[in-house]
């Protein structure tokens, strides 16, 4: 199963992982955010529904995604583009969108101030 991890990480952590990858060390699929607030700004409840509807389904048209989440096509269109910009979805050659993972893992730690 191909899983992507959404995480809160510092630039230094991301740089260290990139350097390890350049040295040939295998890395898991990750999308990093600078803060939990940024992660939740990008991954809204409506966008989470889009990802759940698309997980493991293969490429879909935006209209089909909208039908599956029972929402307006125009609103889903905006959410799909935000998820593409974040690296969670991608366009296919057939002008469809795909969620190239089977699962999402969200990982961050909340510490006392």
PDB file of N, CA and C in Angstrom:
ATOM      1  N   UNK A   1       0.848  -1.168   0.000  1.00  0.00           N
ATOM      2  CA  UNK A   1       0.000   0.000   0.000  1.00  0.00           C
ATOM      3  C   UNK A   1       0.900   1.241   0.000  1.00  0.00           C
ATOM      4  N   UNK A   2       0.595   2.182  -0.872  1.00  0.00           N
ATOM      5  CA  UNK A   2       1.362   3.417  -0.970  1.00  0.00           C
ATOM      6  C   UNK A   2       0.710   4.469  -0.075  1.00  0.00           C
ATOM      7  N   UNK A   3       1.441   4.885   0.957  1.00  0.00           N
ATOM      8  CA  UNK A   3       0.934   5.834   1.937  1.00  0.00           C
ATOM      9  C   UNK A   3       1.730   7.127   1.864  1.00  0.00           C
ATOM     10  N   UNK A   4       1.046   8.250   1.969  1.00  0.00           N
ATOM     11  CA  UNK A   4       1.706   9.549   2.072  1.00  0.00           C
ATOM     12  C   UNK A   4       1.529  10.031   3.510  1.00  0.00           C
ATOM     13  N   UNK A   5       2.588  10.598   4.062  1.00  0.00           N
ATOM     14  CA  UNK A   5       2.530  11.153   5.408  1.00  0.00           C
ATOM     15  C   UNK A   5       2.493  12.668   5.315  1.00  0.00           C
ATOM     16  N   UNK A   6       1.475  13.264   5.902  1.00  0.00           N
ATOM     17  CA  UNK A   6       1.394  14.710   6.032  1.00  0.00           C
ATOM     18  C   UNK A   6       1.957  15.030   7.398  1.00  0.00           C
ATOM     19  N   UNK A   7       2.919  15.937   7.451  1.00  0.00           N
ATOM     20  CA  UNK A   7       3.578  16.195   8.712  1.00  0.00           C
ATOM     21  C   UNK A   7       3.870  17.665   8.905  1.00  0.00           C
ATOM     22  N   UNK A   8       4.105  18.024  10.144  1.00  0.00           N
ATOM     23  CA  UNK A   8       4.610  19.343  10.482  1.00  0.00           C
ATOM     24  C   UNK A   8       6.101  19.151  10.733  1.00  0.00           C
ATOM     25  N   UNK A   9       6.915  19.867   9.973  1.00  0.00           N
ATOM     26  CA  UNK A   9       8.370  19.697  10.088  1.00  0.00           C
ATOM     27  C   UNK A   9       9.065  21.013   9.810  1.00  0.00           C
ATOM     28  N   UNK A  10      10.210  21.173  10.422  1.00  0.00           N
ATOM     29  CA  UNK A  10      11.012  22.375  10.186  1.00  0.00           C
ATOM     30  C   UNK A  10      11.721  22.250   8.844  1.00  0.00           C
ATOM     31  N   UNK A  11      12.173  23.376   8.340  1.00  0.00           N
ATOM     32  CA  UNK A  11      12.939  23.378   7.100  1.00  0.00           C
ATOM     33  C   UNK A  11      14.197  22.523   7.251  1.00  0.00           C
ATOM     34  N   UNK A  12      14.792  22.548   8.428  1.00  0.00           N
ATOM     35  CA  UNK A  12      16.001  21.761   8.674  1.00  0.00           C
ATOM     36  C   UNK A  12      15.717  20.259   8.560  1.00  0.00           C
ATOM     37  N   UNK A  13      14.580  19.825   9.117  1.00  0.00           N
ATOM     38  CA  UNK A  13      14.205  18.413   9.016  1.00  0.00           C
ATOM     39  C   UNK A  13      13.986  17.998   7.561  1.00  0.00           C
ATOM     40  N   UNK A  14      13.317  18.851   6.823  1.00  0.00           N
ATOM     41  CA  UNK A  14      13.054  18.555   5.406  1.00  0.00           C
ATOM     42  C   UNK A  14      14.369  18.508   4.634  1.00  0.00           C
ATOM     43  N   UNK A  15      15.266  19.438   4.906  1.00  0.00           N
ATOM     44  CA  UNK A  15      16.570  19.464   4.230  1.00  0.00           C
ATOM     45  C   UNK A  15      17.367  18.207   4.548  1.00  0.00           C
ATOM     46  N   UNK A  16      17.367  17.785   5.822  1.00  0.00           N
ATOM     47  CA  UNK A  16      18.097  16.560   6.202  1.00  0.00           C
ATOM     48  C   UNK A  16      17.566  15.347   5.438  1.00  0.00           C
ATOM     49  N   UNK A  17      16.245  15.235   5.334  1.00  0.00           N
ATOM     50  CA  UNK A  17      15.666  14.106   4.592  1.00  0.00           C
ATOM     51  C   UNK A  17      16.022  14.173   3.116  1.00  0.00           C
ATOM     52  N   UNK A  18      15.999  15.376   2.547  1.00  0.00           N
ATOM     53  CA  UNK A  18      16.353  15.528   1.130  1.00  0.00           C
ATOM     54  C   UNK A  18      17.798  15.115   0.894  1.00  0.00           C
ATOM     55  N   UNK A  19      18.699  15.507   1.776  1.00  0.00           N
ATOM     56  CA  UNK A  19      20.108  15.135   1.629  1.00  0.00           C
ATOM     57  C   UNK A  19      20.293  13.625   1.735  1.00  0.00           C
ATOM     58  N   UNK A  20      19.554  12.991   2.658  1.00  0.00           N
ATOM     59  CA  UNK A  20      19.627  11.520   2.758  1.00  0.00           C
ATOM     60  C   UNK A  20      19.110  10.872   1.472  1.00  0.00           C
ATOM     61  N   UNK A  21      18.056  11.439   0.891  1.00  0.00           N
ATOM     62  CA  UNK A  21      17.517  10.896  -0.359  1.00  0.00           C
ATOM     63  C   UNK A  21      18.528  11.040  -1.487  1.00  0.00           C
ATOM     64  N   UNK A  22      19.210  12.183  -1.545  1.00  0.00           N
ATOM     65  CA  UNK A  22      20.225  12.384  -2.581  1.00  0.00           C
ATOM     66  C   UNK A  22      21.377  11.391  -2.436  1.00  0.00           C
ATOM     67  N   UNK A  23      21.607  10.913  -1.223  1.00  0.00           N
ATOM     68  CA  UNK A  23      22.655   9.923  -0.986  1.00  0.00           C
ATOM     69  C   UNK A  23      22.163   8.508  -1.262  1.00  0.00           C
ATOM     70  N   UNK A  24      20.921   8.380  -1.718  1.00  0.00           N
ATOM     71  CA  UNK A  24      20.391   7.077  -2.091  1.00  0.00           C
ATOM     72  C   UNK A  24      19.608   6.372  -1.013  1.00  0.00           C
ATOM     73  N   UNK A  25      19.391   7.020   0.114  1.00  0.00           N
ATOM     74  CA  UNK A  25      18.609   6.392   1.177  1.00  0.00           C
ATOM     75  C   UNK A  25      17.129   6.570   0.880  1.00  0.00           C
ATOM     76  N   UNK A  26      16.436   5.469   0.862  1.00  0.00           N
ATOM     77  CA  UNK A  26      15.010   5.475   0.520  1.00  0.00           C
ATOM     78  C   UNK A  26      14.211   6.276   1.558  1.00  0.00           C
ATOM     79  N   UNK A  27      13.308   7.102   1.074  1.00  0.00           N
ATOM     80  CA  UNK A  27      12.468   7.929   1.933  1.00  0.00           C
ATOM     81  C   UNK A  27      11.004   7.601   1.661  1.00  0.00           C
ATOM     82  N   UNK A  28      10.183   7.730   2.708  1.00  0.00           N
ATOM     83  CA  UNK A  28       8.747   7.554   2.527  1.00  0.00           C
ATOM     84  C   UNK A  28       8.170   8.796   1.850  1.00  0.00           C
ATOM     85  N   UNK A  29       7.017   8.631   1.217  1.00  0.00           N
ATOM     86  CA  UNK A  29       6.329   9.770   0.604  1.00  0.00           C
ATOM     87  C   UNK A  29       5.847  10.686   1.722  1.00  0.00           C
ATOM     88  N   UNK A  30       6.260  11.950   1.685  1.00  0.00           N
ATOM     89  CA  UNK A  30       5.910  12.915   2.723  1.00  0.00           C
ATOM     90  C   UNK A  30       5.583  14.252   2.098  1.00  0.00           C
ATOM     91  N   UNK A  31       4.644  14.950   2.710  1.00  0.00           N
ATOM     92  CA  UNK A  31       4.364  16.341   2.382  1.00  0.00           C
ATOM     93  C   UNK A  31       4.434  17.082   3.698  1.00  0.00           C
ATOM     94  N   UNK A  32       5.337  18.050   3.765  1.00  0.00           N
ATOM     95  CA  UNK A  32       5.602  18.741   5.019  1.00  0.00           C
ATOM     96  C   UNK A  32       4.991  20.135   5.035  1.00  0.00           C
ATOM     97  N   UNK A  33       4.534  20.517   6.214  1.00  0.00           N
ATOM     98  CA  UNK A  33       3.978  21.850   6.446  1.00  0.00           C
ATOM     99  C   UNK A  33       4.763  22.500   7.569  1.00  0.00           C
ATOM    100  N   UNK A  34       4.894  23.813   7.521  1.00  0.00           N
ATOM    101  CA  UNK A  34       5.684  24.544   8.501  1.00  0.00           C
ATOM    102  C   UNK A  34       5.014  24.605   9.871  1.00  0.00           C
ATOM    103  N   UNK A  35       3.687  24.477   9.919  1.00  0.00           N
ATOM    104  CA  UNK A  35       2.970  24.568  11.191  1.00  0.00           C
ATOM    105  C   UNK A  35       1.671  23.775  11.098  1.00  0.00           C
ATOM    106  N   UNK A  36       1.118  23.386  12.259  1.00  0.00           N
ATOM    107  CA  UNK A  36      -0.181  22.717  12.232  1.00  0.00           C
ATOM    108  C   UNK A  36      -1.263  23.615  11.625  1.00  0.00           C
ATOM    109  N   UNK A  37      -1.156  24.923  11.875  1.00  0.00           N
ATOM    110  CA  UNK A  37      -2.140  25.857  11.322  1.00  0.00           C
ATOM    111  C   UNK A  37      -2.133  25.825   9.795  1.00  0.00           C
ATOM    112  N   UNK A  38      -0.956  25.766   9.202  1.00  0.00           N
ATOM    113  CA  UNK A  38      -0.862  25.711   7.737  1.00  0.00           C
ATOM    114  C   UNK A  38      -1.408  24.385   7.216  1.00  0.00           C
ATOM    115  N   UNK A  39      -1.097  23.302   7.898  1.00  0.00           N
ATOM    116  CA  UNK A  39      -1.626  22.001   7.490  1.00  0.00           C
ATOM    117  C   UNK A  39      -3.151  22.037   7.474  1.00  0.00           C
ATOM    118  N   UNK A  40      -3.778  22.561   8.535  1.00  0.00           N
ATOM    119  CA  UNK A  40      -5.240  22.584   8.602  1.00  0.00           C
ATOM    120  C   UNK A  40      -5.844  23.632   7.674  1.00  0.00           C
ATOM    121  N   UNK A  41      -5.069  24.655   7.324  1.00  0.00           N
ATOM    122  CA  UNK A  41      -5.558  25.628   6.346  1.00  0.00           C
ATOM    123  C   UNK A  41      -5.674  24.970   4.960  1.00  0.00           C
ATOM    124  N   UNK A  42      -4.696  24.144   4.632  1.00  0.00           N
ATOM    125  CA  UNK A  42      -4.709  23.454   3.337  1.00  0.00           C
ATOM    126  C   UNK A  42      -5.668  22.266   3.366  1.00  0.00           C
ATOM    127  N   UNK A  43      -5.653  21.521   4.443  1.00  0.00           N
ATOM    128  CA  UNK A  43      -6.444  20.293   4.531  1.00  0.00           C
ATOM    129  C   UNK A  43      -7.725  20.552   5.319  1.00  0.00           C
ATOM    130  N   UNK A  44      -8.645  21.284   4.701  1.00  0.00           N
ATOM    131  CA  UNK A  44      -9.931  21.583   5.334  1.00  0.00           C
ATOM    132  C   UNK A  44     -10.802  20.326   5.380  1.00  0.00           C
ATOM    133  N   UNK A  45     -11.880  20.395   6.111  1.00  0.00           N
ATOM    134  CA  UNK A  45     -12.798  19.252   6.204  1.00  0.00           C
ATOM    135  C   UNK A  45     -13.340  18.863   4.831  1.00  0.00           C
ATOM    136  N   UNK A  46     -13.676  19.839   4.011  1.00  0.00           N
ATOM    137  CA  UNK A  46     -14.210  19.547   2.664  1.00  0.00           C
ATOM    138  C   UNK A  46     -13.153  18.885   1.787  1.00  0.00           C
ATOM    139  N   UNK A  47     -11.917  19.351   1.896  1.00  0.00           N
ATOM    140  CA  UNK A  47     -10.826  18.749   1.092  1.00  0.00           C
ATOM    141  C   UNK A  47     -10.503  17.350   1.580  1.00  0.00           C
ATOM    142  N   UNK A  48     -10.626  17.134   2.884  1.00  0.00           N
ATOM    143  CA  UNK A  48     -10.425  15.795   3.429  1.00  0.00           C
ATOM    144  C   UNK A  48     -11.464  14.844   2.838  1.00  0.00           C
ATOM    145  N   UNK A  49     -12.704  15.299   2.698  1.00  0.00           N
ATOM    146  CA  UNK A  49     -13.756  14.481   2.083  1.00  0.00           C
ATOM    147  C   UNK A  49     -13.410  14.137   0.636  1.00  0.00           C
ATOM    148  N   UNK A  50     -12.852  15.106  -0.080  1.00  0.00           N
ATOM    149  CA  UNK A  50     -12.422  14.856  -1.466  1.00  0.00           C
ATOM    150  C   UNK A  50     -11.372  13.748  -1.487  1.00  0.00           C
ATOM    151  N   UNK A  51     -10.374  13.849  -0.609  1.00  0.00           N
ATOM    152  CA  UNK A  51      -9.316  12.830  -0.574  1.00  0.00           C
ATOM    153  C   UNK A  51      -9.871  11.459  -0.206  1.00  0.00           C
ATOM    154  N   UNK A  52     -10.777  11.408   0.765  1.00  0.00           N
ATOM    155  CA  UNK A  52     -11.380  10.125   1.145  1.00  0.00           C
ATOM    156  C   UNK A  52     -12.142   9.517  -0.024  1.00  0.00           C
ATOM    157  N   UNK A  53     -12.846  10.346  -0.776  1.00  0.00           N
ATOM    158  CA  UNK A  53     -13.621   9.847  -1.916  1.00  0.00           C
ATOM    159  C   UNK A  53     -12.720   9.359  -3.044  1.00  0.00           C
ATOM    160  N   UNK A  54     -11.519   9.907  -3.133  1.00  0.00           N
ATOM    161  CA  UNK A  54     -10.625   9.569  -4.238  1.00  0.00           C
ATOM    162  C   UNK A  54      -9.632   8.456  -3.906  1.00  0.00           C
ATOM    163  N   UNK A  55      -9.389   8.187  -2.628  1.00  0.00           N
ATOM    164  CA  UNK A  55      -8.374   7.214  -2.226  1.00  0.00           C
ATOM    165  C   UNK A  55      -8.643   5.846  -2.842  1.00  0.00           C
ATOM    166  N   UNK A  56      -7.656   5.353  -3.576  1.00  0.00           N
ATOM    167  CA  UNK A  56      -7.737   4.030  -4.177  1.00  0.00           C
ATOM    168  C   UNK A  56      -8.665   3.916  -5.374  1.00  0.00           C
ATOM    169  N   UNK A  57      -9.206   5.020  -5.878  1.00  0.00           N
ATOM    170  CA  UNK A  57     -10.194   4.977  -6.949  1.00  0.00           C
ATOM    171  C   UNK A  57      -9.615   5.167  -8.345  1.00  0.00           C
ATOM    172  N   UNK A  58      -8.359   5.564  -8.454  1.00  0.00           N
ATOM    173  CA  UNK A  58      -7.790   5.840  -9.767  1.00  0.00           C
ATOM    174  C   UNK A  58      -8.206   7.223 -10.244  1.00  0.00           C
ATOM    175  N   UNK A  59      -7.834   7.588 -11.469  1.00  0.00           N
ATOM    176  CA  UNK A  59      -8.165   8.918 -11.994  1.00  0.00           C
ATOM    177  C   UNK A  59      -9.670   9.133 -12.132  1.00  0.00           C
ATOM    178  N   UNK A  60     -10.102  10.343 -11.776  1.00  0.00           N
ATOM    179  CA  UNK A  60     -11.514  10.711 -11.860  1.00  0.00           C
ATOM    180  C   UNK A  60     -11.637  12.112 -12.444  1.00  0.00           C
ATOM    181  N   UNK A  61     -12.756  12.399 -13.059  1.00  0.00           N
ATOM    182  CA  UNK A  61     -13.025  13.769 -13.482  1.00  0.00           C
ATOM    183  C   UNK A  61     -13.452  14.577 -12.251  1.00  0.00           C
ATOM    184  N   UNK A  62     -13.294  15.878 -12.323  1.00  0.00           N
ATOM    185  CA  UNK A  62     -13.732  16.725 -11.218  1.00  0.00           C
ATOM    186  C   UNK A  62     -15.237  16.584 -11.018  1.00  0.00           C
ATOM    187  N   UNK A  63     -15.957  16.460 -12.095  1.00  0.00           N
ATOM    188  CA  UNK A  63     -17.413  16.277 -12.003  1.00  0.00           C
ATOM    189  C   UNK A  63     -17.752  14.997 -11.223  1.00  0.00           C
ATOM    190  N   UNK A  64     -17.007  13.922 -11.468  1.00  0.00           N
ATOM    191  CA  UNK A  64     -17.248  12.670 -10.748  1.00  0.00           C
ATOM    192  C   UNK A  64     -16.883  12.813  -9.269  1.00  0.00           C
ATOM    193  N   UNK A  65     -15.811  13.514  -8.976  1.00  0.00           N
ATOM    194  CA  UNK A  65     -15.448  13.754  -7.575  1.00  0.00           C
ATOM    195  C   UNK A  65     -16.573  14.524  -6.888  1.00  0.00           C
ATOM    196  N   UNK A  66     -17.074  15.565  -7.547  1.00  0.00           N
ATOM    197  CA  UNK A  66     -18.164  16.368  -6.985  1.00  0.00           C
ATOM    198  C   UNK A  66     -19.402  15.502  -6.723  1.00  0.00           C
ATOM    199  N   UNK A  67     -19.698  14.592  -7.635  1.00  0.00           N
ATOM    200  CA  UNK A  67     -20.845  13.699  -7.457  1.00  0.00           C
ATOM    201  C   UNK A  67     -20.627  12.808  -6.232  1.00  0.00           C
ATOM    202  N   UNK A  68     -19.420  12.296  -6.060  1.00  0.00           N
ATOM    203  CA  UNK A  68     -19.137  11.386  -4.947  1.00  0.00           C
ATOM    204  C   UNK A  68     -19.189  12.074  -3.588  1.00  0.00           C
ATOM    205  N   UNK A  69     -18.822  13.347  -3.548  1.00  0.00           N
ATOM    206  CA  UNK A  69     -18.858  14.068  -2.263  1.00  0.00           C
ATOM    207  C   UNK A  69     -20.149  14.874  -2.107  1.00  0.00           C
ATOM    208  N   UNK A  70     -21.003  14.779  -3.132  1.00  0.00           N
ATOM    209  CA  UNK A  70     -22.312  15.453  -3.128  1.00  0.00           C
ATOM    210  C   UNK A  70     -22.167  16.956  -2.901  1.00  0.00           C
ATOM    211  N   UNK A  71     -21.314  17.567  -3.739  1.00  0.00           N
ATOM    212  CA  UNK A  71     -21.077  19.004  -3.655  1.00  0.00           C
ATOM    213  C   UNK A  71     -21.095  19.612  -5.048  1.00  0.00           C
ATOM    214  N   UNK A  72     -21.166  20.924  -5.090  1.00  0.00           N
ATOM    215  CA  UNK A  72     -21.151  21.700  -6.319  1.00  0.00           C
ATOM    216  C   UNK A  72     -19.814  21.530  -7.051  1.00  0.00           C
ATOM    217  N   UNK A  73     -19.870  21.366  -8.367  1.00  0.00           N
ATOM    218  CA  UNK A  73     -18.666  21.149  -9.170  1.00  0.00           C
ATOM    219  C   UNK A  73     -17.687  22.315  -9.024  1.00  0.00           C
ATOM    220  N   UNK A  74     -18.200  23.536  -9.027  1.00  0.00           N
ATOM    221  CA  UNK A  74     -17.320  24.708  -8.932  1.00  0.00           C
ATOM    222  C   UNK A  74     -16.560  24.721  -7.603  1.00  0.00           C
ATOM    223  N   UNK A  75     -17.225  24.404  -6.506  1.00  0.00           N
ATOM    224  CA  UNK A  75     -16.567  24.373  -5.201  1.00  0.00           C
ATOM    225  C   UNK A  75     -15.518  23.262  -5.149  1.00  0.00           C
ATOM    226  N   UNK A  76     -15.851  22.099  -5.676  1.00  0.00           N
ATOM    227  CA  UNK A  76     -14.910  20.976  -5.698  1.00  0.00           C
ATOM    228  C   UNK A  76     -13.724  21.315  -6.595  1.00  0.00           C
ATOM    229  N   UNK A  77     -13.976  22.015  -7.689  1.00  0.00           N
ATOM    230  CA  UNK A  77     -12.909  22.441  -8.588  1.00  0.00           C
ATOM    231  C   UNK A  77     -11.862  23.250  -7.818  1.00  0.00           C
ATOM    232  N   UNK A  78     -12.301  24.194  -6.992  1.00  0.00           N
ATOM    233  CA  UNK A  78     -11.384  24.999  -6.192  1.00  0.00           C
ATOM    234  C   UNK A  78     -10.604  24.151  -5.200  1.00  0.00           C
ATOM    235  N   UNK A  79     -11.283  23.210  -4.561  1.00  0.00           N
ATOM    236  CA  UNK A  79     -10.606  22.335  -3.606  1.00  0.00           C
ATOM    237  C   UNK A  79      -9.595  21.426  -4.298  1.00  0.00           C
ATOM    238  N   UNK A  80      -9.957  20.905  -5.455  1.00  0.00           N
ATOM    239  CA  UNK A  80      -9.039  20.044  -6.207  1.00  0.00           C
ATOM    240  C   UNK A  80      -7.772  20.823  -6.572  1.00  0.00           C
ATOM    241  N   UNK A  81      -7.923  22.052  -7.022  1.00  0.00           N
ATOM    242  CA  UNK A  81      -6.742  22.847  -7.379  1.00  0.00           C
ATOM    243  C   UNK A  81      -5.870  23.136  -6.159  1.00  0.00           C
ATOM    244  N   UNK A  82      -6.481  23.377  -5.009  1.00  0.00           N
ATOM    245  CA  UNK A  82      -5.700  23.589  -3.784  1.00  0.00           C
ATOM    246  C   UNK A  82      -4.933  22.316  -3.414  1.00  0.00           C
ATOM    247  N   UNK A  83      -5.556  21.163  -3.586  1.00  0.00           N
ATOM    248  CA  UNK A  83      -4.899  19.894  -3.277  1.00  0.00           C
ATOM    249  C   UNK A  83      -3.802  19.567  -4.291  1.00  0.00           C
ATOM    250  N   UNK A  84      -3.983  19.972  -5.540  1.00  0.00           N
ATOM    251  CA  UNK A  84      -2.923  19.818  -6.545  1.00  0.00           C
ATOM    252  C   UNK A  84      -1.741  20.699  -6.165  1.00  0.00           C
ATOM    253  N   UNK A  85      -2.012  21.947  -5.793  1.00  0.00           N
ATOM    254  CA  UNK A  85      -0.945  22.871  -5.389  1.00  0.00           C
ATOM    255  C   UNK A  85      -0.172  22.348  -4.183  1.00  0.00           C
ATOM    256  N   UNK A  86      -0.856  21.635  -3.284  1.00  0.00           N
ATOM    257  CA  UNK A  86      -0.212  21.078  -2.095  1.00  0.00           C
ATOM    258  C   UNK A  86       0.541  19.779  -2.390  1.00  0.00           C
ATOM    259  N   UNK A  87       0.359  19.211  -3.580  1.00  0.00           N
ATOM    260  CA  UNK A  87       1.045  17.978  -3.947  1.00  0.00           C
ATOM    261  C   UNK A  87       0.291  16.711  -3.610  1.00  0.00           C
ATOM    262  N   UNK A  88      -0.964  16.836  -3.200  1.00  0.00           N
ATOM    263  CA  UNK A  88      -1.747  15.659  -2.835  1.00  0.00           C
ATOM    264  C   UNK A  88      -2.486  15.028  -4.005  1.00  0.00           C
ATOM    265  N   UNK A  89      -2.833  15.823  -4.989  1.00  0.00           N
ATOM    266  CA  UNK A  89      -3.480  15.309  -6.202  1.00  0.00           C
ATOM    267  C   UNK A  89      -2.621  15.673  -7.396  1.00  0.00           C
ATOM    268  N   UNK A  90      -2.851  14.974  -8.497  1.00  0.00           N
ATOM    269  CA  UNK A  90      -2.124  15.297  -9.729  1.00  0.00           C
ATOM    270  C   UNK A  90      -3.040  15.124 -10.935  1.00  0.00           C
ATOM    271  N   UNK A  91      -2.740  15.900 -11.981  1.00  0.00           N
ATOM    272  CA  UNK A  91      -3.472  15.788 -13.244  1.00  0.00           C
ATOM    273  C   UNK A  91      -2.952  14.583 -14.009  1.00  0.00           C
ATOM    274  N   UNK A  92      -3.830  13.920 -14.743  1.00  0.00           N
ATOM    275  CA  UNK A  92      -3.412  12.845 -15.638  1.00  0.00           C
ATOM    276  C   UNK A  92      -3.409  13.379 -17.068  1.00  0.00           C
ATOM    277  N   UNK A  93      -2.850  12.619 -17.964  1.00  0.00           N
ATOM    278  CA  UNK A  93      -2.833  13.012 -19.374  1.00  0.00           C
ATOM    279  C   UNK A  93      -4.244  13.070 -19.957  1.00  0.00           C
ATOM    280  N   UNK A  94      -5.176  12.337 -19.369  1.00  0.00           N
ATOM    281  CA  UNK A  94      -6.560  12.305 -19.849  1.00  0.00           C
ATOM    282  C   UNK A  94      -7.385  13.436 -19.239  1.00  0.00           C
ATOM    283  N   UNK A  95      -6.719  14.425 -18.640  1.00  0.00           N
ATOM    284  CA  UNK A  95      -7.389  15.582 -18.030  1.00  0.00           C
ATOM    285  C   UNK A  95      -8.302  15.174 -16.874  1.00  0.00           C
ATOM    286  N   UNK A  96      -7.848  14.207 -16.109  1.00  0.00           N
ATOM    287  CA  UNK A  96      -8.542  13.795 -14.897  1.00  0.00           C
ATOM    288  C   UNK A  96      -7.611  14.061 -13.715  1.00  0.00           C
ATOM    289  N   UNK A  97      -8.130  13.928 -12.520  1.00  0.00           N
ATOM    290  CA  UNK A  97      -7.290  14.092 -11.342  1.00  0.00           C
ATOM    291  C   UNK A  97      -7.137  12.747 -10.651  1.00  0.00           C
ATOM    292  N   UNK A  98      -5.981  12.564 -10.037  1.00  0.00           N
ATOM    293  CA  UNK A  98      -5.712  11.296  -9.368  1.00  0.00           C
ATOM    294  C   UNK A  98      -5.094  11.559  -8.002  1.00  0.00           C
ATOM    295  N   UNK A  99      -5.488  10.745  -7.059  1.00  0.00           N
ATOM    296  CA  UNK A  99      -4.847  10.706  -5.748  1.00  0.00           C
ATOM    297  C   UNK A  99      -3.927   9.496  -5.811  1.00  0.00           C
ATOM    298  N   UNK A 100      -2.610   9.727  -5.942  1.00  0.00           N
ATOM    299  CA  UNK A 100      -1.693   8.620  -6.237  1.00  0.00           C
ATOM    300  C   UNK A 100      -1.299   7.774  -5.032  1.00  0.00           C
ATOM    301  N   UNK A 101      -2.099   7.805  -3.977  1.00  0.00           N
ATOM    302  CA  UNK A 101      -1.808   7.043  -2.778  1.00  0.00           C
ATOM    303  C   UNK A 101      -3.043   6.244  -2.385  1.00  0.00           C
ATOM    304  N   UNK A 102      -2.838   5.229  -1.558  1.00  0.00           N
ATOM    305  CA  UNK A 102      -3.956   4.445  -1.042  1.00  0.00           C
ATOM    306  C   UNK A 102      -4.340   4.875   0.366  1.00  0.00           C
ATOM    307  N   UNK A 103      -3.421   5.591   1.018  1.00  0.00           N
ATOM    308  CA  UNK A 103      -3.678   5.978   2.409  1.00  0.00           C
ATOM    309  C   UNK A 103      -2.949   7.275   2.730  1.00  0.00           C
ATOM    310  N   UNK A 104      -3.479   7.968   3.743  1.00  0.00           N
ATOM    311  CA  UNK A 104      -2.864   9.190   4.249  1.00  0.00           C
ATOM    312  C   UNK A 104      -2.610   8.995   5.730  1.00  0.00           C
ATOM    313  N   UNK A 105      -1.430   9.405   6.151  1.00  0.00           N
ATOM    314  CA  UNK A 105      -1.088   9.404   7.575  1.00  0.00           C
ATOM    315  C   UNK A 105      -0.787  10.847   7.944  1.00  0.00           C
ATOM    316  N   UNK A 106      -1.401  11.358   8.995  1.00  0.00           N
ATOM    317  CA  UNK A 106      -1.143  12.718   9.468  1.00  0.00           C
ATOM    318  C   UNK A 106      -0.326  12.595  10.741  1.00  0.00           C
ATOM    319  N   UNK A 107       0.812  13.301  10.777  1.00  0.00           N
ATOM    320  CA  UNK A 107       1.747  13.124  11.884  1.00  0.00           C
ATOM    321  C   UNK A 107       2.284  14.459  12.374  1.00  0.00           C
ATOM    322  N   UNK A 108       1.979  14.792  13.610  1.00  0.00           N
ATOM    323  CA  UNK A 108       2.610  15.932  14.257  1.00  0.00           C
ATOM    324  C   UNK A 108       2.433  15.809  15.754  1.00  0.00           C
ATOM    325  N   UNK A 109       3.260  16.529  16.474  1.00  0.00           N
ATOM    326  CA  UNK A 109       3.222  16.479  17.924  1.00  0.00           C
ATOM    327  C   UNK A 109       2.826  17.840  18.473  1.00  0.00           C
ATOM    328  N   UNK A 110       1.901  17.848  19.399  1.00  0.00           N
ATOM    329  CA  UNK A 110       1.493  19.065  20.077  1.00  0.00           C
ATOM    330  C   UNK A 110       2.198  19.092  21.426  1.00  0.00           C
ATOM    331  N   UNK A 111       2.972  20.151  21.648  1.00  0.00           N
ATOM    332  CA  UNK A 111       3.717  20.285  22.894  1.00  0.00           C
ATOM    333  C   UNK A 111       3.191  21.461  23.706  1.00  0.00           C
ATOM    334  N   UNK A 112       3.354  21.382  25.011  1.00  0.00           N
ATOM    335  CA  UNK A 112       2.967  22.471  25.892  1.00  0.00           C
ATOM    336  C   UNK A 112       3.828  23.702  25.579  1.00  0.00           C
ATOM    337  N   UNK A 113       3.212  24.882  25.667  1.00  0.00           N
ATOM    338  CA  UNK A 113       3.936  26.127  25.361  1.00  0.00           C
ATOM    339  C   UNK A 113       4.897  26.507  26.465  1.00  0.00           C
TER     340      UNK A 113
END
